[in-house]
C-alpha cells in the first residue's frame, strides 16, 4: 500500500477530536508545537471515515496553538469503529512501552549543539541543573566503572538506574 496517496491536507475546522479521548495531552502540546515549528509537520493526524481523530490529538492541539488552518491527515476509512477504538488505544500504549537507552540518549544529546532540547521536553526537572547534569553519571563510552545513579524519565516518570 502506498501511504503517500493517503496523506492529504485537511482544514483543522473539518477535524473533530474524539470526545472520549482517554489521553491527557495538555502537558505535551507546547513541546509538540515547538517540534512542529522547528522540524515541520512530519507526522500526520489519523482520522476515521467521519474525520474524527484516531491518533494525533496532541498534534491537532499544537496545530491550533500555532494558528495553523490545516494539517496533514491520513483518513483511515478502512477501519471499523471497533478497530478505530482499538488503534487509538494501541497507538498510545505501545508508545508507553518503549524506554530509553540512557547511554545512547546522552551521546545523541551531546551531539546536538545548536538546538535547545528543553524545547521538546528533555529537561532535568527536579534533578537540578541543565540536561548535561541529568546524564552526568551515565556510563562512559570508554567502559570505565561508574557508580549507579537513579534517574526519573521526564516523559513517563519511570525510574531507571544508570
Protein backbone atom coordinates (compact mmCIF):
# COMPACT_ATOMS: atom_id res chain seq x y z
CA UNK A 1 0.00 0.00 0.00
CA UNK A 2 1.36 3.42 -0.93
CA UNK A 3 0.71 5.72 2.03
CA UNK A 4 1.67 8.81 0.05
CA UNK A 5 -1.63 8.59 -1.75
CA UNK A 6 -3.48 8.55 1.57
CA UNK A 7 -1.89 11.68 3.07
CA UNK A 8 -3.80 14.89 2.43
CA UNK A 9 -4.03 18.37 3.87
CA UNK A 10 -7.25 18.90 5.78
CA UNK A 11 -8.68 22.03 7.36
CA UNK A 12 -8.50 21.84 11.15
CA UNK A 13 -12.11 23.03 11.20
CA UNK A 14 -13.06 19.78 9.43
CA UNK A 15 -11.32 17.57 12.01
CA UNK A 16 -13.18 16.51 15.16
CA UNK A 17 -11.35 15.44 18.33
CA UNK A 18 -12.59 12.14 19.73
CA UNK A 19 -14.92 13.09 22.60
CA UNK A 20 -13.82 10.17 24.78
CA UNK A 21 -10.06 10.51 24.23
CA UNK A 22 -8.52 8.85 27.30
CA UNK A 23 -5.16 10.64 27.00
CA UNK A 24 -4.34 13.86 28.81
CA UNK A 25 -2.49 15.79 26.12
CA UNK A 26 -2.26 19.27 27.61
CA UNK A 27 1.23 18.93 29.08
CA UNK A 28 2.69 17.90 25.72
CA UNK A 29 1.03 20.47 23.45
CA UNK A 30 3.69 23.17 23.82
CA UNK A 31 6.54 20.69 23.21
CA UNK A 32 4.81 19.26 20.13
CA UNK A 33 4.14 22.79 18.85
CA UNK A 34 7.85 23.55 19.31
CA UNK A 35 8.69 20.40 17.37
CA UNK A 36 6.36 21.34 14.52
CA UNK A 37 7.86 24.84 14.39
CA UNK A 38 11.41 23.50 14.30
CA UNK A 39 11.07 20.40 12.14
CA UNK A 40 7.78 20.80 10.26
CA UNK A 41 4.54 18.84 10.46
CA UNK A 42 6.05 15.48 9.52
CA UNK A 43 3.70 13.10 11.27
CA UNK A 44 0.10 13.21 10.07
CA UNK A 45 -3.01 13.11 12.19
CA UNK A 46 -5.02 9.94 11.59
CA UNK A 47 -8.79 10.30 11.35
CA UNK A 48 -11.64 7.88 10.72
CA UNK A 49 -14.12 7.98 7.86
CA UNK A 50 -16.04 10.78 9.67
CA UNK A 51 -12.86 12.87 10.24
CA UNK A 52 -12.81 12.08 13.97
CA UNK A 53 -9.26 11.82 15.33
CA UNK A 54 -8.00 8.30 15.93
CA UNK A 55 -4.40 9.31 16.70
CA UNK A 56 -2.82 12.74 16.75
CA UNK A 57 -4.84 14.69 19.31
CA UNK A 58 -1.71 16.42 20.60
CA UNK A 59 -0.60 17.33 17.07
CA UNK A 60 -4.10 18.70 16.42
CA UNK A 61 -3.98 20.86 19.57
CA UNK A 62 -0.43 22.00 18.73
CA UNK A 63 -1.53 22.98 15.23
CA UNK A 64 -4.34 25.06 16.73
CA UNK A 65 -1.92 26.69 19.17
CA UNK A 66 0.35 27.59 16.25
CA UNK A 67 -2.56 29.18 14.41
CA UNK A 68 -2.44 26.70 11.54
CA UNK A 69 -5.59 26.30 9.49
CA UNK A 70 -4.77 22.86 8.05
CA UNK A 71 -2.66 19.83 8.82
CA UNK A 72 -1.51 16.64 7.09
CA UNK A 73 -4.00 13.84 7.66
CA UNK A 74 -4.39 10.18 6.83
CA UNK A 75 -8.00 9.08 6.55
CA UNK A 76 -8.16 5.51 7.84
CA UNK A 77 -11.56 4.88 6.31
CA UNK A 78 -10.83 1.17 6.09
CA UNK A 79 -11.13 0.71 9.88
CA UNK A 80 -14.33 -0.36 11.57
CA UNK A 81 -15.46 1.67 14.59
CA UNK A 82 -14.10 -1.06 16.87
CA UNK A 83 -10.75 -1.12 15.05
CA UNK A 84 -10.50 2.69 15.31
CA UNK A 85 -11.07 2.49 19.08
CA UNK A 86 -8.52 -0.31 19.40
CA UNK A 87 -5.95 1.54 17.25
CA UNK A 88 -6.44 4.72 19.30
CA UNK A 89 -5.58 2.81 22.48
CA UNK A 90 -2.87 0.60 20.97
CA UNK A 91 -1.01 3.55 19.44
CA UNK A 92 -0.74 5.30 22.78
CA UNK A 93 0.01 2.15 24.80
CA UNK A 94 2.80 0.94 22.54
CA UNK A 95 4.48 4.34 22.92
CA UNK A 96 4.48 3.88 26.69
CA UNK A 97 6.20 0.51 26.40
CA UNK A 98 9.31 1.89 24.76
CA UNK A 99 12.11 3.01 27.06
CA UNK A 100 15.32 4.95 26.76
CA UNK A 101 18.84 3.63 26.50
CA UNK A 102 20.26 6.45 28.60
CA UNK A 103 23.84 5.94 27.44
CA UNK A 104 22.84 6.28 23.78
CA UNK A 105 20.47 9.13 24.58
CA UNK A 106 23.24 11.02 26.36
CA UNK A 107 25.54 10.53 23.37
CA UNK A 108 22.87 11.80 20.97
CA UNK A 109 22.06 14.83 23.13
CA UNK A 110 25.76 15.70 23.42
CA UNK A 111 25.96 15.95 19.63
CA UNK A 112 23.10 18.46 19.40
CA UNK A 113 24.64 21.85 20.00
CA UNK A 114 22.53 24.39 18.10
CA UNK A 115 19.08 23.38 19.41
CA UNK A 116 17.69 23.71 22.92
CA UNK A 117 16.32 20.22 23.52
CA UNK A 118 14.43 21.53 26.54
CA UNK A 119 12.02 22.98 23.97
CA UNK A 120 10.99 19.39 23.20
CA UNK A 121 10.76 18.11 26.78
CA UNK A 122 14.32 17.00 27.51
CA UNK A 123 14.73 18.61 30.91
CA UNK A 124 16.39 17.57 34.12
CA UNK A 125 13.26 18.53 36.10
CA UNK A 126 13.89 18.19 39.83
CA UNK A 127 17.37 16.71 39.48
CA UNK A 128 18.80 20.23 39.38
CA UNK A 129 20.93 21.78 36.70
CA UNK A 130 20.97 21.52 32.95
CA UNK A 131 20.34 18.50 30.76
CA UNK A 132 24.05 17.65 30.92
CA UNK A 133 23.70 17.25 34.68
CA UNK A 134 20.83 14.83 34.12
CA UNK A 135 23.28 12.44 32.49
CA UNK A 136 26.43 13.33 34.44
CA UNK A 137 26.79 9.80 35.81
CA UNK A 138 25.72 7.99 32.65
CA UNK A 139 28.09 5.21 31.67
CA UNK A 140 31.08 6.50 29.76
CA UNK A 141 31.62 5.08 26.30
CA UNK A 142 35.16 4.03 27.28
CA UNK A 143 33.80 1.31 29.59
CA UNK A 144 35.03 2.84 32.88
CA UNK A 145 33.19 1.76 36.02
CA UNK A 146 30.67 4.19 37.43
CA UNK A 147 28.52 4.44 40.50
CA UNK A 148 24.89 3.71 39.59
CA UNK A 149 22.51 6.64 39.78
CA UNK A 150 18.71 6.50 39.83
CA UNK A 151 17.05 8.92 37.43
CA UNK A 152 13.42 9.53 36.59
CA UNK A 153 12.38 9.66 32.96
CA UNK A 154 10.97 13.14 32.30
CA UNK A 155 8.34 11.67 29.95
CA UNK A 156 6.88 8.61 31.63
CA UNK A 157 8.04 9.05 35.25
CA UNK A 158 9.64 5.59 35.35
CA UNK A 159 12.80 5.31 37.44
CA UNK A 160 15.96 3.84 35.95
CA UNK A 161 19.39 3.05 37.34
CA UNK A 162 22.18 4.25 35.09
